[in-house]
Amino acid sequence: MDEVEVSVITVNDGWGFEIYRNGKKYIEQPTIPAVLGNIHFKTKEDAQSVGNLMKSKIEKGVIPPAITLKELDSLEIRK
């Protein structure tokens, strides 16, 4: 099984995350997925929550691990 890790990163005026698969950068997500425009996460915790959801999808074999607006709402991500 692949080893999948989430790393929260700082970007300009907010937060983003990167996902590493077997030690190699797999996804770089500096903005909130599914939201139009270049909007960064407002908090480190929000970035971590969405990163963890994406990690879970990857581990379950959901490729691409797309995030929906409904999922963002269920995680109470501030846009």
N, C-alpha and C. Protein backbone atom coordinates (compact mmCIF):
# COMPACT_ATOMS: atom_id res chain seq x y z
N MET A 1 0.84 -1.19 0.00
CA MET A 1 0.00 0.00 0.00
C MET A 1 0.88 1.25 0.00
N ASP A 2 0.44 2.24 -0.73
CA ASP A 2 1.19 3.50 -0.80
C ASP A 2 1.16 4.23 0.54
N GLU A 3 2.26 4.92 0.83
CA GLU A 3 2.31 5.79 2.00
C GLU A 3 1.92 7.18 1.53
N VAL A 4 0.87 7.75 2.12
CA VAL A 4 0.36 9.06 1.73
C VAL A 4 0.44 10.00 2.92
N GLU A 5 1.07 11.16 2.72
CA GLU A 5 1.24 12.14 3.79
C GLU A 5 0.75 13.51 3.34
N VAL A 6 0.19 14.27 4.28
CA VAL A 6 -0.27 15.64 4.02
C VAL A 6 0.66 16.61 4.74
N SER A 7 1.08 17.64 4.03
CA SER A 7 1.92 18.68 4.62
C SER A 7 1.28 20.04 4.36
N VAL A 8 0.92 20.74 5.44
CA VAL A 8 0.32 22.07 5.30
C VAL A 8 1.43 23.07 5.00
N ILE A 9 1.16 23.99 4.07
CA ILE A 9 2.15 24.99 3.66
C ILE A 9 1.56 26.39 3.78
N THR A 10 2.44 27.36 3.96
CA THR A 10 1.99 28.76 3.95
C THR A 10 2.11 29.27 2.52
N VAL A 11 1.11 30.03 2.10
CA VAL A 11 1.11 30.64 0.78
C VAL A 11 0.60 32.08 0.91
N ASN A 12 1.30 33.00 0.30
CA ASN A 12 0.92 34.41 0.29
C ASN A 12 0.13 34.83 1.52
N ASP A 13 -1.19 34.93 1.38
CA ASP A 13 -2.03 35.43 2.46
C ASP A 13 -2.84 34.34 3.14
N GLY A 14 -2.35 33.11 3.13
CA GLY A 14 -3.12 32.04 3.75
C GLY A 14 -2.36 30.72 3.80
N TRP A 15 -3.11 29.65 3.59
CA TRP A 15 -2.57 28.29 3.73
C TRP A 15 -2.95 27.43 2.54
N GLY A 16 -2.18 26.39 2.33
CA GLY A 16 -2.45 25.38 1.31
C GLY A 16 -1.90 24.07 1.83
N PHE A 17 -1.82 23.08 0.96
CA PHE A 17 -1.23 21.82 1.38
C PHE A 17 -0.62 21.10 0.19
N GLU A 18 0.26 20.17 0.54
CA GLU A 18 0.87 19.28 -0.45
C GLU A 18 0.62 17.86 0.02
N ILE A 19 0.47 16.97 -0.95
CA ILE A 19 0.32 15.56 -0.62
C ILE A 19 1.49 14.81 -1.24
N TYR A 20 2.12 14.01 -0.41
CA TYR A 20 3.25 13.19 -0.83
C TYR A 20 2.81 11.74 -0.87
N ARG A 21 3.19 11.06 -1.95
CA ARG A 21 2.88 9.64 -2.11
C ARG A 21 4.20 8.92 -2.24
N ASN A 22 4.47 8.02 -1.30
CA ASN A 22 5.73 7.29 -1.24
C ASN A 22 6.93 8.24 -1.26
N GLY A 23 6.81 9.34 -0.51
CA GLY A 23 7.91 10.28 -0.36
C GLY A 23 8.08 11.30 -1.47
N LYS A 24 7.27 11.21 -2.51
CA LYS A 24 7.38 12.15 -3.64
C LYS A 24 6.15 13.04 -3.71
N LYS A 25 6.38 14.32 -4.04
CA LYS A 25 5.25 15.23 -4.13
C LYS A 25 4.29 14.75 -5.20
N TYR A 26 3.03 14.57 -4.81
CA TYR A 26 2.00 14.04 -5.69
C TYR A 26 1.00 15.13 -6.08
N ILE A 27 0.64 15.97 -5.11
CA ILE A 27 -0.31 17.06 -5.35
C ILE A 27 0.17 18.29 -4.61
N GLU A 28 0.13 19.43 -5.30
CA GLU A 28 0.39 20.73 -4.66
C GLU A 28 -0.91 21.51 -4.76
N GLN A 29 -1.49 21.86 -3.61
CA GLN A 29 -2.79 22.52 -3.59
C GLN A 29 -2.68 23.83 -2.80
N PRO A 30 -2.26 24.92 -3.46
CA PRO A 30 -2.10 26.20 -2.76
C PRO A 30 -3.42 26.95 -2.57
N THR A 31 -4.49 26.50 -3.24
CA THR A 31 -5.78 27.19 -3.14
C THR A 31 -6.87 26.18 -2.75
N ILE A 32 -8.04 26.71 -2.38
CA ILE A 32 -9.15 25.85 -2.00
C ILE A 32 -9.70 25.18 -3.26
N PRO A 33 -9.71 23.85 -3.31
CA PRO A 33 -10.23 23.17 -4.49
C PRO A 33 -11.74 23.38 -4.63
N ALA A 34 -12.22 23.36 -5.87
CA ALA A 34 -13.65 23.49 -6.20
C ALA A 34 -14.17 24.92 -6.09
N VAL A 35 -13.33 25.85 -5.66
CA VAL A 35 -13.75 27.25 -5.52
C VAL A 35 -13.08 28.05 -6.64
N LEU A 36 -13.88 28.83 -7.35
CA LEU A 36 -13.33 29.65 -8.44
C LEU A 36 -12.39 30.71 -7.90
N GLY A 37 -11.33 30.98 -8.63
CA GLY A 37 -10.36 31.99 -8.23
C GLY A 37 -9.23 31.39 -7.42
N ASN A 38 -8.29 32.23 -7.11
CA ASN A 38 -7.12 31.80 -6.34
C ASN A 38 -7.31 32.16 -4.87
N ILE A 39 -8.20 31.42 -4.22
CA ILE A 39 -8.51 31.69 -2.82
C ILE A 39 -7.79 30.67 -1.94
N HIS A 40 -6.97 31.19 -1.04
CA HIS A 40 -6.22 30.33 -0.13
C HIS A 40 -7.07 30.00 1.09
N PHE A 41 -6.69 28.92 1.76
CA PHE A 41 -7.37 28.57 3.01
C PHE A 41 -7.11 29.66 4.04
N LYS A 42 -8.12 29.96 4.84
CA LYS A 42 -8.00 31.02 5.85
C LYS A 42 -7.22 30.54 7.08
N THR A 43 -7.32 29.23 7.37
CA THR A 43 -6.62 28.70 8.54
C THR A 43 -5.83 27.44 8.18
N LYS A 44 -4.85 27.18 9.00
CA LYS A 44 -4.03 25.97 8.85
C LYS A 44 -4.92 24.74 9.03
N GLU A 45 -5.86 24.81 9.96
CA GLU A 45 -6.75 23.70 10.25
C GLU A 45 -7.64 23.36 9.05
N ASP A 46 -8.13 24.41 8.35
CA ASP A 46 -8.95 24.17 7.16
C ASP A 46 -8.15 23.44 6.09
N ALA A 47 -6.92 23.89 5.87
CA ALA A 47 -6.05 23.24 4.87
C ALA A 47 -5.80 21.78 5.27
N GLN A 48 -5.56 21.54 6.53
CA GLN A 48 -5.30 20.18 7.02
C GLN A 48 -6.52 19.29 6.82
N SER A 49 -7.71 19.82 7.12
CA SER A 49 -8.95 19.04 6.97
C SER A 49 -9.18 18.59 5.54
N VAL A 50 -9.01 19.51 4.60
CA VAL A 50 -9.23 19.16 3.19
C VAL A 50 -8.11 18.24 2.70
N GLY A 51 -6.89 18.49 3.14
CA GLY A 51 -5.78 17.61 2.80
C GLY A 51 -6.03 16.19 3.30
N ASN A 52 -6.56 16.06 4.50
CA ASN A 52 -6.85 14.74 5.06
C ASN A 52 -7.95 14.04 4.28
N LEU A 53 -8.96 14.80 3.82
CA LEU A 53 -10.02 14.22 3.01
C LEU A 53 -9.45 13.71 1.69
N MET A 54 -8.59 14.51 1.07
CA MET A 54 -7.98 14.11 -0.20
C MET A 54 -7.09 12.88 0.02
N LYS A 55 -6.36 12.86 1.11
CA LYS A 55 -5.51 11.71 1.45
C LYS A 55 -6.37 10.45 1.58
N SER A 56 -7.49 10.56 2.25
CA SER A 56 -8.39 9.43 2.43
C SER A 56 -8.89 8.89 1.09
N LYS A 57 -9.21 9.80 0.18
CA LYS A 57 -9.68 9.38 -1.15
C LYS A 57 -8.57 8.64 -1.90
N ILE A 58 -7.34 9.15 -1.82
CA ILE A 58 -6.21 8.50 -2.49
C ILE A 58 -6.01 7.09 -1.93
N GLU A 59 -6.08 6.97 -0.60
CA GLU A 59 -5.89 5.66 0.03
C GLU A 59 -6.99 4.67 -0.35
N LYS A 60 -8.17 5.19 -0.71
CA LYS A 60 -9.28 4.33 -1.12
C LYS A 60 -9.28 4.08 -2.63
N GLY A 61 -8.28 4.66 -3.33
CA GLY A 61 -8.16 4.44 -4.77
C GLY A 61 -8.98 5.39 -5.62
N VAL A 62 -9.48 6.47 -5.02
CA VAL A 62 -10.25 7.47 -5.77
C VAL A 62 -9.27 8.43 -6.44
N ILE A 63 -9.08 8.26 -7.75
CA ILE A 63 -8.14 9.08 -8.51
C ILE A 63 -8.86 9.63 -9.73
N PRO A 64 -8.91 10.92 -9.95
CA PRO A 64 -8.33 11.96 -9.09
C PRO A 64 -9.17 12.14 -7.83
N PRO A 65 -8.52 12.58 -6.75
CA PRO A 65 -9.23 12.75 -5.47
C PRO A 65 -9.93 14.12 -5.39
N ALA A 66 -10.83 14.36 -6.34
CA ALA A 66 -11.50 15.66 -6.44
C ALA A 66 -12.33 15.97 -5.19
N ILE A 67 -12.37 17.25 -4.84
CA ILE A 67 -13.14 17.73 -3.70
C ILE A 67 -14.32 18.54 -4.25
N THR A 68 -15.49 18.35 -3.66
CA THR A 68 -16.68 19.06 -4.12
C THR A 68 -17.03 20.21 -3.17
N LEU A 69 -17.84 21.13 -3.66
CA LEU A 69 -18.32 22.22 -2.80
C LEU A 69 -19.11 21.67 -1.62
N LYS A 70 -19.87 20.62 -1.85
CA LYS A 70 -20.65 20.00 -0.77
C LYS A 70 -19.73 19.48 0.33
N GLU A 71 -18.62 18.86 -0.07
CA GLU A 71 -17.65 18.37 0.93
C GLU A 71 -17.02 19.53 1.69
N LEU A 72 -16.70 20.61 0.99
CA LEU A 72 -16.15 21.79 1.67
C LEU A 72 -17.15 22.32 2.70
N ASP A 73 -18.41 22.39 2.30
CA ASP A 73 -19.45 22.86 3.23
C ASP A 73 -19.57 21.94 4.43
N SER A 74 -19.50 20.62 4.21
CA SER A 74 -19.64 19.68 5.32
C SER A 74 -18.46 19.78 6.29
N LEU A 75 -17.31 20.21 5.78
CA LEU A 75 -16.14 20.43 6.64
C LEU A 75 -16.12 21.83 7.24
N GLU A 76 -17.12 22.64 6.86
CA GLU A 76 -17.25 24.03 7.33
C GLU A 76 -16.01 24.86 6.98
N ILE A 77 -15.55 24.70 5.73
CA ILE A 77 -14.39 25.45 5.25
C ILE A 77 -14.83 26.87 4.90
N ARG A 78 -14.17 27.85 5.48
CA ARG A 78 -14.49 29.25 5.20
C ARG A 78 -13.81 29.66 3.91
N LYS A 79 -14.61 30.22 3.01
CA LYS A 79 -14.09 30.60 1.69
C LYS A 79 -13.90 32.10 1.61
